[in-house]
Amino acid sequence: MKYKDGEYISLIWDGCMPDAYYVKGWISFDEARNVIIGEECLEDYGLEGKPFRHAYARWSTQGDAPDGCSVVLKEYKESGRGRFKVTVCDIYDPQQKGK
């Protein structure tokens, strides 16, 4: 799964609405917004007031996933082996996840 900087990372989500949208590389938030809108991801959800941030991510195996998706994108705060830079648009407030 190779993506170039500034390219939208297409993911399959378990629920109806994704937790976040990811763009490869640390690009400006305006650029990331345009990339995401260009992918027509936001027909129903919009980006108004959604927070953008920079993070690191890594493709990881999940084992035997019941839905057949054994590779997942895991997010990290710090760089490390196999991690790459991503610009993230949170759809849900990351502080509220799991509450």
PDB file of N, CA and C in Angstrom:
ATOM      1  N   MET A   1       0.832  -1.169   0.000  1.00  0.00           N
ATOM      2  CA  MET A   1       0.000   0.000   0.000  1.00  0.00           C
ATOM      3  C   MET A   1       0.884   1.242   0.000  1.00  0.00           C
ATOM      4  N   LYS A   2       1.200   1.685  -1.173  1.00  0.00           N
ATOM      5  CA  LYS A   2       2.059   2.857  -1.324  1.00  0.00           C
ATOM      6  C   LYS A   2       1.210   4.059  -1.701  1.00  0.00           C
ATOM      7  N   TYR A   3       1.393   5.116  -0.975  1.00  0.00           N
ATOM      8  CA  TYR A   3       0.739   6.383  -1.269  1.00  0.00           C
ATOM      9  C   TYR A   3       1.810   7.450  -1.357  1.00  0.00           C
ATOM     10  N   LYS A   4       1.579   8.443  -2.209  1.00  0.00           N
ATOM     11  CA  LYS A   4       2.493   9.574  -2.325  1.00  0.00           C
ATOM     12  C   LYS A   4       2.035  10.682  -1.391  1.00  0.00           C
ATOM     13  N   ASP A   5       2.969  11.553  -0.990  1.00  0.00           N
ATOM     14  CA  ASP A   5       2.600  12.696  -0.155  1.00  0.00           C
ATOM     15  C   ASP A   5       1.501  13.493  -0.843  1.00  0.00           C
ATOM     16  N   GLY A   6       0.490  13.864  -0.063  1.00  0.00           N
ATOM     17  CA  GLY A   6      -0.636  14.624  -0.583  1.00  0.00           C
ATOM     18  C   GLY A   6      -1.743  13.766  -1.150  1.00  0.00           C
ATOM     19  N   GLU A   7      -1.610  12.441  -1.061  1.00  0.00           N
ATOM     20  CA  GLU A   7      -2.605  11.528  -1.605  1.00  0.00           C
ATOM     21  C   GLU A   7      -3.548  11.034  -0.496  1.00  0.00           C
ATOM     22  N   TYR A   8      -4.833  10.973  -0.798  1.00  0.00           N
ATOM     23  CA  TYR A   8      -5.836  10.481   0.135  1.00  0.00           C
ATOM     24  C   TYR A   8      -5.623   8.994   0.391  1.00  0.00           C
ATOM     25  N   ILE A   9      -5.683   8.575   1.652  1.00  0.00           N
ATOM     26  CA  ILE A   9      -5.541   7.158   2.007  1.00  0.00           C
ATOM     27  C   ILE A   9      -6.936   6.584   2.160  1.00  0.00           C
ATOM     28  N   SER A  10      -7.291   5.712   1.252  1.00  0.00           N
ATOM     29  CA  SER A  10      -8.628   5.124   1.226  1.00  0.00           C
ATOM     30  C   SER A  10      -8.707   3.948   2.200  1.00  0.00           C
ATOM     31  N   LEU A  11      -9.654   4.034   3.130  1.00  0.00           N
ATOM     32  CA  LEU A  11      -9.828   2.985   4.143  1.00  0.00           C
ATOM     33  C   LEU A  11     -11.267   2.479   4.137  1.00  0.00           C
ATOM     34  N   ILE A  12     -11.453   1.248   4.580  1.00  0.00           N
ATOM     35  CA  ILE A  12     -12.785   0.670   4.762  1.00  0.00           C
ATOM     36  C   ILE A  12     -13.079   0.693   6.252  1.00  0.00           C
ATOM     37  N   TRP A  13     -14.216   1.297   6.638  1.00  0.00           N
ATOM     38  CA  TRP A  13     -14.578   1.435   8.054  1.00  0.00           C
ATOM     39  C   TRP A  13     -15.654   0.429   8.428  1.00  0.00           C
ATOM     40  N   ASP A  14     -15.637  -0.033   9.683  1.00  0.00           N
ATOM     41  CA  ASP A  14     -16.635  -0.981  10.166  1.00  0.00           C
ATOM     42  C   ASP A  14     -18.017  -0.351  10.267  1.00  0.00           C
ATOM     43  N   GLY A  15     -18.089   0.912  10.616  1.00  0.00           N
ATOM     44  CA  GLY A  15     -19.367   1.590  10.778  1.00  0.00           C
ATOM     45  C   GLY A  15     -19.739   2.382   9.553  1.00  0.00           C
ATOM     46  N   CYS A  16     -20.795   3.117   9.651  1.00  0.00           N
ATOM     47  CA  CYS A  16     -21.263   3.943   8.531  1.00  0.00           C
ATOM     48  C   CYS A  16     -20.370   5.151   8.309  1.00  0.00           C
ATOM     49  N   MET A  17     -19.912   5.757   9.391  1.00  0.00           N
ATOM     50  CA  MET A  17     -19.154   6.997   9.302  1.00  0.00           C
ATOM     51  C   MET A  17     -17.731   6.778   9.806  1.00  0.00           C
ATOM     52  N   PRO A  18     -16.723   7.252   9.071  1.00  0.00           N
ATOM     53  CA  PRO A  18     -15.341   7.058   9.528  1.00  0.00           C
ATOM     54  C   PRO A  18     -15.023   7.890  10.764  1.00  0.00           C
ATOM     55  N   ASP A  19     -14.002   7.463  11.500  1.00  0.00           N
ATOM     56  CA  ASP A  19     -13.512   8.222  12.653  1.00  0.00           C
ATOM     57  C   ASP A  19     -12.688   9.414  12.191  1.00  0.00           C
ATOM     58  N   ALA A  20     -11.986   9.239  11.076  1.00  0.00           N
ATOM     59  CA  ALA A  20     -11.085  10.279  10.576  1.00  0.00           C
ATOM     60  C   ALA A  20     -10.800  10.027   9.106  1.00  0.00           C
ATOM     61  N   TYR A  21     -10.298  11.054   8.438  1.00  0.00           N
ATOM     62  CA  TYR A  21      -9.786  10.935   7.080  1.00  0.00           C
ATOM     63  C   TYR A  21      -8.285  11.166   7.143  1.00  0.00           C
ATOM     64  N   TYR A  22      -7.535  10.428   6.309  1.00  0.00           N
ATOM     65  CA  TYR A  22      -6.077  10.499   6.327  1.00  0.00           C
ATOM     66  C   TYR A  22      -5.543  10.876   4.958  1.00  0.00           C
ATOM     67  N   VAL A  23      -4.547  11.762   4.955  1.00  0.00           N
ATOM     68  CA  VAL A  23      -3.822  12.137   3.752  1.00  0.00           C
ATOM     69  C   VAL A  23      -2.345  11.880   4.036  1.00  0.00           C
ATOM     70  N   LYS A  24      -1.662  11.240   3.102  1.00  0.00           N
ATOM     71  CA  LYS A  24      -0.242  10.904   3.301  1.00  0.00           C
ATOM     72  C   LYS A  24       0.599  12.172   3.363  1.00  0.00           C
ATOM     73  N   GLY A  25       1.504  12.215   4.305  1.00  0.00           N
ATOM     74  CA  GLY A  25       2.438  13.321   4.452  1.00  0.00           C
ATOM     75  C   GLY A  25       1.899  14.438   5.325  1.00  0.00           C
ATOM     76  N   TRP A  26       2.809  15.268   5.758  1.00  0.00           N
ATOM     77  CA  TRP A  26       2.424  16.461   6.524  1.00  0.00           C
ATOM     78  C   TRP A  26       2.262  17.602   5.544  1.00  0.00           C
ATOM     79  N   ILE A  27       1.034  17.844   5.146  1.00  0.00           N
ATOM     80  CA  ILE A  27       0.734  18.926   4.226  1.00  0.00           C
ATOM     81  C   ILE A  27      -0.094  19.958   4.980  1.00  0.00           C
ATOM     82  N   SER A  28      -0.306  21.110   4.369  1.00  0.00           N
ATOM     83  CA  SER A  28      -1.098  22.134   5.054  1.00  0.00           C
ATOM     84  C   SER A  28      -2.528  21.639   5.228  1.00  0.00           C
ATOM     85  N   PHE A  29      -3.184  22.168   6.225  1.00  0.00           N
ATOM     86  CA  PHE A  29      -4.552  21.740   6.503  1.00  0.00           C
ATOM     87  C   PHE A  29      -5.488  22.131   5.362  1.00  0.00           C
ATOM     88  N   ASP A  30      -5.223  23.262   4.719  1.00  0.00           N
ATOM     89  CA  ASP A  30      -6.028  23.661   3.555  1.00  0.00           C
ATOM     90  C   ASP A  30      -5.852  22.673   2.406  1.00  0.00           C
ATOM     91  N   GLU A  31      -4.606  22.255   2.159  1.00  0.00           N
ATOM     92  CA  GLU A  31      -4.346  21.252   1.116  1.00  0.00           C
ATOM     93  C   GLU A  31      -5.061  19.939   1.437  1.00  0.00           C
ATOM     94  N   ALA A  32      -4.966  19.507   2.692  1.00  0.00           N
ATOM     95  CA  ALA A  32      -5.613  18.252   3.099  1.00  0.00           C
ATOM     96  C   ALA A  32      -7.127  18.356   2.934  1.00  0.00           C
ATOM     97  N   ARG A  33      -7.692  19.480   3.310  1.00  0.00           N
ATOM     98  CA  ARG A  33      -9.134  19.698   3.156  1.00  0.00           C
ATOM     99  C   ARG A  33      -9.526  19.550   1.686  1.00  0.00           C
ATOM    100  N   ASN A  34      -8.748  20.151   0.783  1.00  0.00           N
ATOM    101  CA  ASN A  34      -9.048  20.069  -0.648  1.00  0.00           C
ATOM    102  C   ASN A  34      -8.919  18.647  -1.185  1.00  0.00           C
ATOM    103  N   VAL A  35      -7.920  17.910  -0.705  1.00  0.00           N
ATOM    104  CA  VAL A  35      -7.751  16.513  -1.130  1.00  0.00           C
ATOM    105  C   VAL A  35      -8.965  15.684  -0.699  1.00  0.00           C
ATOM    106  N   ILE A  36      -9.392  15.846   0.539  1.00  0.00           N
ATOM    107  CA  ILE A  36     -10.519  15.070   1.063  1.00  0.00           C
ATOM    108  C   ILE A  36     -11.809  15.430   0.326  1.00  0.00           C
ATOM    109  N   ILE A  37     -12.037  16.715   0.112  1.00  0.00           N
ATOM    110  CA  ILE A  37     -13.228  17.134  -0.634  1.00  0.00           C
ATOM    111  C   ILE A  37     -13.166  16.597  -2.062  1.00  0.00           C
ATOM    112  N   GLY A  38     -11.975  16.581  -2.653  1.00  0.00           N
ATOM    113  CA  GLY A  38     -11.795  16.058  -4.007  1.00  0.00           C
ATOM    114  C   GLY A  38     -12.134  14.582  -4.125  1.00  0.00           C
ATOM    115  N   GLU A  39     -12.018  13.852  -3.035  1.00  0.00           N
ATOM    116  CA  GLU A  39     -12.370  12.429  -3.021  1.00  0.00           C
ATOM    117  C   GLU A  39     -13.870  12.226  -2.824  1.00  0.00           C
ATOM    118  N   GLU A  40     -14.598  13.302  -2.664  1.00  0.00           N
ATOM    119  CA  GLU A  40     -16.049  13.275  -2.462  1.00  0.00           C
ATOM    120  C   GLU A  40     -16.443  12.421  -1.264  1.00  0.00           C
ATOM    121  N   CYS A  41     -15.631  12.497  -0.210  1.00  0.00           N
ATOM    122  CA  CYS A  41     -15.905  11.749   1.014  1.00  0.00           C
ATOM    123  C   CYS A  41     -16.978  12.431   1.846  1.00  0.00           C
ATOM    124  N   LEU A  42     -17.180  13.703   1.614  1.00  0.00           N
ATOM    125  CA  LEU A  42     -17.892  14.501   2.591  1.00  0.00           C
ATOM    126  C   LEU A  42     -19.272  14.960   2.173  1.00  0.00           C
ATOM    127  N   GLU A  43     -19.960  14.177   1.364  1.00  0.00           N
ATOM    128  CA  GLU A  43     -21.297  14.559   0.946  1.00  0.00           C
ATOM    129  C   GLU A  43     -22.187  14.857   2.147  1.00  0.00           C
ATOM    130  N   ASP A  44     -22.155  14.000   3.142  1.00  0.00           N
ATOM    131  CA  ASP A  44     -23.076  14.112   4.270  1.00  0.00           C
ATOM    132  C   ASP A  44     -22.465  14.747   5.509  1.00  0.00           C
ATOM    133  N   TYR A  45     -21.154  14.725   5.631  1.00  0.00           N
ATOM    134  CA  TYR A  45     -20.553  15.070   6.914  1.00  0.00           C
ATOM    135  C   TYR A  45     -19.919  16.457   6.950  1.00  0.00           C
ATOM    136  N   GLY A  46     -19.360  16.935   5.859  1.00  0.00           N
ATOM    137  CA  GLY A  46     -18.738  18.254   5.824  1.00  0.00           C
ATOM    138  C   GLY A  46     -17.475  18.346   6.661  1.00  0.00           C
ATOM    139  N   LEU A  47     -16.724  19.417   6.434  1.00  0.00           N
ATOM    140  CA  LEU A  47     -15.476  19.622   7.168  1.00  0.00           C
ATOM    141  C   LEU A  47     -15.531  20.833   8.072  1.00  0.00           C
ATOM    142  N   GLU A  48     -16.627  21.548   8.044  1.00  0.00           N
ATOM    143  CA  GLU A  48     -16.724  22.779   8.825  1.00  0.00           C
ATOM    144  C   GLU A  48     -16.482  22.497  10.304  1.00  0.00           C
ATOM    145  N   GLY A  49     -15.449  23.120  10.862  1.00  0.00           N
ATOM    146  CA  GLY A  49     -15.154  22.985  12.286  1.00  0.00           C
ATOM    147  C   GLY A  49     -14.457  21.693  12.681  1.00  0.00           C
ATOM    148  N   LYS A  50     -14.144  20.841  11.719  1.00  0.00           N
ATOM    149  CA  LYS A  50     -13.454  19.586  12.039  1.00  0.00           C
ATOM    150  C   LYS A  50     -11.970  19.859  12.240  1.00  0.00           C
ATOM    151  N   PRO A  51     -11.379  19.302  13.289  1.00  0.00           N
ATOM    152  CA  PRO A  51      -9.960  19.563  13.554  1.00  0.00           C
ATOM    153  C   PRO A  51      -9.031  18.770  12.640  1.00  0.00           C
ATOM    154  N   PHE A  52      -7.967  19.419  12.205  1.00  0.00           N
ATOM    155  CA  PHE A  52      -6.902  18.763  11.446  1.00  0.00           C
ATOM    156  C   PHE A  52      -5.669  18.729  12.335  1.00  0.00           C
ATOM    157  N   ARG A  53      -4.822  17.707  12.132  1.00  0.00           N
ATOM    158  CA  ARG A  53      -3.592  17.596  12.906  1.00  0.00           C
ATOM    159  C   ARG A  53      -2.607  16.731  12.131  1.00  0.00           C
ATOM    160  N   HIS A  54      -1.350  16.770  12.553  1.00  0.00           N
ATOM    161  CA  HIS A  54      -0.313  15.923  11.976  1.00  0.00           C
ATOM    162  C   HIS A  54      -0.014  14.787  12.944  1.00  0.00           C
ATOM    163  N   ALA A  55       0.215  13.605  12.388  1.00  0.00           N
ATOM    164  CA  ALA A  55       0.502  12.420  13.198  1.00  0.00           C
ATOM    165  C   ALA A  55       1.387  11.486  12.378  1.00  0.00           C
ATOM    166  N   TYR A  56       1.655  10.312  12.938  1.00  0.00           N
ATOM    167  CA  TYR A  56       2.368   9.250  12.240  1.00  0.00           C
ATOM    168  C   TYR A  56       1.433   8.052  12.152  1.00  0.00           C
ATOM    169  N   ALA A  57       1.622   7.232  11.123  1.00  0.00           N
ATOM    170  CA  ALA A  57       0.790   6.037  10.963  1.00  0.00           C
ATOM    171  C   ALA A  57       1.652   4.891  10.453  1.00  0.00           C
ATOM    172  N   ARG A  58       1.108   3.693  10.600  1.00  0.00           N
ATOM    173  CA  ARG A  58       1.807   2.498  10.161  1.00  0.00           C
ATOM    174  C   ARG A  58       0.782   1.447   9.778  1.00  0.00           C
ATOM    175  N   TRP A  59       1.044   0.729   8.698  1.00  0.00           N
ATOM    176  CA  TRP A  59       0.191  -0.394   8.334  1.00  0.00           C
ATOM    177  C   TRP A  59       0.557  -1.569   9.235  1.00  0.00           C
ATOM    178  N   SER A  60      -0.435  -2.172   9.867  1.00  0.00           N
ATOM    179  CA  SER A  60      -0.205  -3.283  10.794  1.00  0.00           C
ATOM    180  C   SER A  60      -1.191  -4.401  10.504  1.00  0.00           C
ATOM    181  N   THR A  61      -0.785  -5.617  10.817  1.00  0.00           N
ATOM    182  CA  THR A  61      -1.707  -6.745  10.668  1.00  0.00           C
ATOM    183  C   THR A  61      -2.521  -6.896  11.941  1.00  0.00           C
ATOM    184  N   GLN A  62      -3.745  -7.315  11.765  1.00  0.00           N
ATOM    185  CA  GLN A  62      -4.675  -7.442  12.879  1.00  0.00           C
ATOM    186  C   GLN A  62      -4.916  -8.897  13.251  1.00  0.00           C
ATOM    187  N   GLY A  63      -4.381  -9.823  12.500  1.00  0.00           N
ATOM    188  CA  GLY A  63      -4.680 -11.225  12.743  1.00  0.00           C
ATOM    189  C   GLY A  63      -5.853 -11.648  11.887  1.00  0.00           C
ATOM    190  N   ASP A  64      -6.618 -12.597  12.366  1.00  0.00           N
ATOM    191  CA  ASP A  64      -7.775 -13.081  11.618  1.00  0.00           C
ATOM    192  C   ASP A  64      -8.983 -12.223  11.927  1.00  0.00           C
ATOM    193  N   ALA A  65      -9.166 -11.191  11.135  1.00  0.00           N
ATOM    194  CA  ALA A  65     -10.304 -10.293  11.327  1.00  0.00           C
ATOM    195  C   ALA A  65     -11.555 -10.950  10.760  1.00  0.00           C
ATOM    196  N   PRO A  66     -12.681 -10.855  11.466  1.00  0.00           N
ATOM    197  CA  PRO A  66     -13.911 -11.493  10.999  1.00  0.00           C
ATOM    198  C   PRO A  66     -14.415 -10.929   9.677  1.00  0.00           C
ATOM    199  N   ASP A  67     -14.087  -9.684   9.377  1.00  0.00           N
ATOM    200  CA  ASP A  67     -14.563  -9.077   8.128  1.00  0.00           C
ATOM    201  C   ASP A  67     -13.590  -9.279   6.972  1.00  0.00           C
ATOM    202  N   GLY A  68     -12.517 -10.002   7.199  1.00  0.00           N
ATOM    203  CA  GLY A  68     -11.557 -10.289   6.154  1.00  0.00           C
ATOM    204  C   GLY A  68     -10.488  -9.230   5.974  1.00  0.00           C
ATOM    205  N   CYS A  69     -10.579  -8.124   6.691  1.00  0.00           N
ATOM    206  CA  CYS A  69      -9.571  -7.058   6.602  1.00  0.00           C
ATOM    207  C   CYS A  69      -8.522  -7.287   7.676  1.00  0.00           C
ATOM    208  N   SER A  70      -7.389  -7.823   7.299  1.00  0.00           N
ATOM    209  CA  SER A  70      -6.375  -8.131   8.296  1.00  0.00           C
ATOM    210  C   SER A  70      -5.301  -7.054   8.387  1.00  0.00           C
ATOM    211  N   VAL A  71      -5.343  -6.048   7.521  1.00  0.00           N
ATOM    212  CA  VAL A  71      -4.379  -4.959   7.575  1.00  0.00           C
ATOM    213  C   VAL A  71      -5.115  -3.689   7.992  1.00  0.00           C
ATOM    214  N   VAL A  72      -4.572  -3.020   8.995  1.00  0.00           N
ATOM    215  CA  VAL A  72      -5.193  -1.809   9.517  1.00  0.00           C
ATOM    216  C   VAL A  72      -4.165  -0.687   9.560  1.00  0.00           C
ATOM    217  N   LEU A  73      -4.655   0.546   9.556  1.00  0.00           N
ATOM    218  CA  LEU A  73      -3.797   1.716   9.692  1.00  0.00           C
ATOM    219  C   LEU A  73      -3.837   2.140  11.147  1.00  0.00           C
ATOM    220  N   LYS A  74      -2.695   2.045  11.823  1.00  0.00           N
ATOM    221  CA  LYS A  74      -2.621   2.449  13.222  1.00  0.00           C
ATOM    222  C   LYS A  74      -1.940   3.811  13.307  1.00  0.00           C
ATOM    223  N   GLU A  75      -2.443   4.630  14.191  1.00  0.00           N
ATOM    224  CA  GLU A  75      -1.946   5.991  14.333  1.00  0.00           C
ATOM    225  C   GLU A  75      -1.073   6.120  15.577  1.00  0.00           C
ATOM    226  N   TYR A  76      -0.017   6.942  15.465  1.00  0.00           N
ATOM    227  CA  TYR A  76       0.928   7.161  16.552  1.00  0.00           C
ATOM    228  C   TYR A  76       1.233   8.645  16.689  1.00  0.00           C
ATOM    229  N   LYS A  77       1.681   9.047  17.873  1.00  0.00           N
ATOM    230  CA  LYS A  77       2.055  10.443  18.119  1.00  0.00           C
ATOM    231  C   LYS A  77       3.507  10.716  17.763  1.00  0.00           C
ATOM    232  N   GLU A  78       4.340   9.667  17.782  1.00  0.00           N
ATOM    233  CA  GLU A  78       5.771   9.842  17.543  1.00  0.00           C
ATOM    234  C   GLU A  78       6.240   8.986  16.377  1.00  0.00           C
ATOM    235  N   SER A  79       7.364   9.389  15.778  1.00  0.00           N
ATOM    236  CA  SER A  79       7.930   8.614  14.679  1.00  0.00           C
ATOM    237  C   SER A  79       8.502   7.308  15.217  1.00  0.00           C
ATOM    238  N   GLY A  80       8.677   6.360  14.339  1.00  0.00           N
ATOM    239  CA  GLY A  80       9.233   5.066  14.710  1.00  0.00           C
ATOM    240  C   GLY A  80       9.376   4.200  13.471  1.00  0.00           C
ATOM    241  N   ARG A  81       9.911   3.038  13.655  1.00  0.00           N
ATOM    242  CA  ARG A  81      10.162   2.116  12.544  1.00  0.00           C
ATOM    243  C   ARG A  81       8.871   1.817  11.781  1.00  0.00           C
ATOM    244  N   GLY A  82       8.923   2.009  10.486  1.00  0.00           N
ATOM    245  CA  GLY A  82       7.785   1.702   9.625  1.00  0.00           C
ATOM    246  C   GLY A  82       6.676   2.747   9.631  1.00  0.00           C
ATOM    247  N   ARG A  83       6.827   3.795  10.411  1.00  0.00           N
ATOM    248  CA  ARG A  83       5.782   4.822  10.500  1.00  0.00           C
ATOM    249  C   ARG A  83       6.028   5.916   9.467  1.00  0.00           C
ATOM    250  N   PHE A  84       4.954   6.473   8.994  1.00  0.00           N
ATOM    251  CA  PHE A  84       5.043   7.561   8.022  1.00  0.00           C
ATOM    252  C   PHE A  84       4.135   8.711   8.452  1.00  0.00           C
ATOM    253  N   LYS A  85       4.410   9.883   7.929  1.00  0.00           N
ATOM    254  CA  LYS A  85       3.659  11.084   8.306  1.00  0.00           C
ATOM    255  C   LYS A  85       2.295  11.093   7.624  1.00  0.00           C
ATOM    256  N   VAL A  86       1.272  11.524   8.378  1.00  0.00           N
ATOM    257  CA  VAL A  86      -0.070  11.684   7.838  1.00  0.00           C
ATOM    258  C   VAL A  86      -0.675  12.982   8.369  1.00  0.00           C
ATOM    259  N   THR A  87      -1.544  13.561   7.560  1.00  0.00           N
ATOM    260  CA  THR A  87      -2.363  14.678   7.993  1.00  0.00           C
ATOM    261  C   THR A  87      -3.743  14.102   8.237  1.00  0.00           C
ATOM    262  N   VAL A  88      -4.284  14.354   9.421  1.00  0.00           N
ATOM    263  CA  VAL A  88      -5.524  13.709   9.867  1.00  0.00           C
ATOM    264  C   VAL A  88      -6.623  14.751  10.021  1.00  0.00           C
ATOM    265  N   CYS A  89      -7.802  14.416   9.529  1.00  0.00           N
ATOM    266  CA  CYS A  89      -9.005  15.210   9.794  1.00  0.00           C
ATOM    267  C   CYS A  89      -9.909  14.348  10.667  1.00  0.00           C
ATOM    268  N   ASP A  90     -10.052  14.738  11.930  1.00  0.00           N
ATOM    269  CA  ASP A  90     -10.896  13.973  12.855  1.00  0.00           C
ATOM    270  C   ASP A  90     -12.361  14.296  12.619  1.00  0.00           C
ATOM    271  N   ILE A  91     -13.139  13.270  12.369  1.00  0.00           N
ATOM    272  CA  ILE A  91     -14.581  13.443  12.221  1.00  0.00           C
ATOM    273  C   ILE A  91     -15.218  13.450  13.604  1.00  0.00           C
ATOM    274  N   TYR A  92     -14.753  12.541  14.454  1.00  0.00           N
ATOM    275  CA  TYR A  92     -15.164  12.533  15.858  1.00  0.00           C
ATOM    276  C   TYR A  92     -14.039  13.129  16.667  1.00  0.00           C
ATOM    277  N   ASP A  93     -14.333  13.823  17.722  1.00  0.00           N
ATOM    278  CA  ASP A  93     -13.321  14.386  18.609  1.00  0.00           C
ATOM    279  C   ASP A  93     -12.527  13.236  19.216  1.00  0.00           C
ATOM    280  N   PRO A  94     -11.189  13.183  18.986  1.00  0.00           N
ATOM    281  CA  PRO A  94     -10.384  12.068  19.502  1.00  0.00           C
ATOM    282  C   PRO A  94     -10.448  11.965  21.035  1.00  0.00           C
ATOM    283  N   GLN A  95     -10.773  13.046  21.720  1.00  0.00           N
ATOM    284  CA  GLN A  95     -10.903  13.011  23.177  1.00  0.00           C
ATOM    285  C   GLN A  95     -12.166  12.255  23.604  1.00  0.00           C
ATOM    286  N   GLN A  96     -13.127  12.128  22.702  1.00  0.00           N
ATOM    287  CA  GLN A  96     -14.398  11.482  23.020  1.00  0.00           C
ATOM    288  C   GLN A  96     -14.441  10.008  22.647  1.00  0.00           C
ATOM    289  N   LYS A  97     -13.450   9.509  21.903  1.00  0.00           N
ATOM    290  CA  LYS A  97     -13.447   8.101  21.497  1.00  0.00           C
ATOM    291  C   LYS A  97     -13.478   7.208  22.730  1.00  0.00           C
ATOM    292  N   GLY A  98     -14.333   6.220  22.678  1.00  0.00           N
ATOM    293  CA  GLY A  98     -14.395   5.247  23.764  1.00  0.00           C
ATOM    294  C   GLY A  98     -15.211   5.701  24.954  1.00  0.00           C
ATOM    295  N   LYS A  99     -15.801   6.870  24.900  1.00  0.00           N
ATOM    296  CA  LYS A  99     -16.605   7.354  26.022  1.00  0.00           C
ATOM    297  C   LYS A  99     -18.073   7.129  25.772  1.00  0.00           C
TER     298      LYS A  99
END
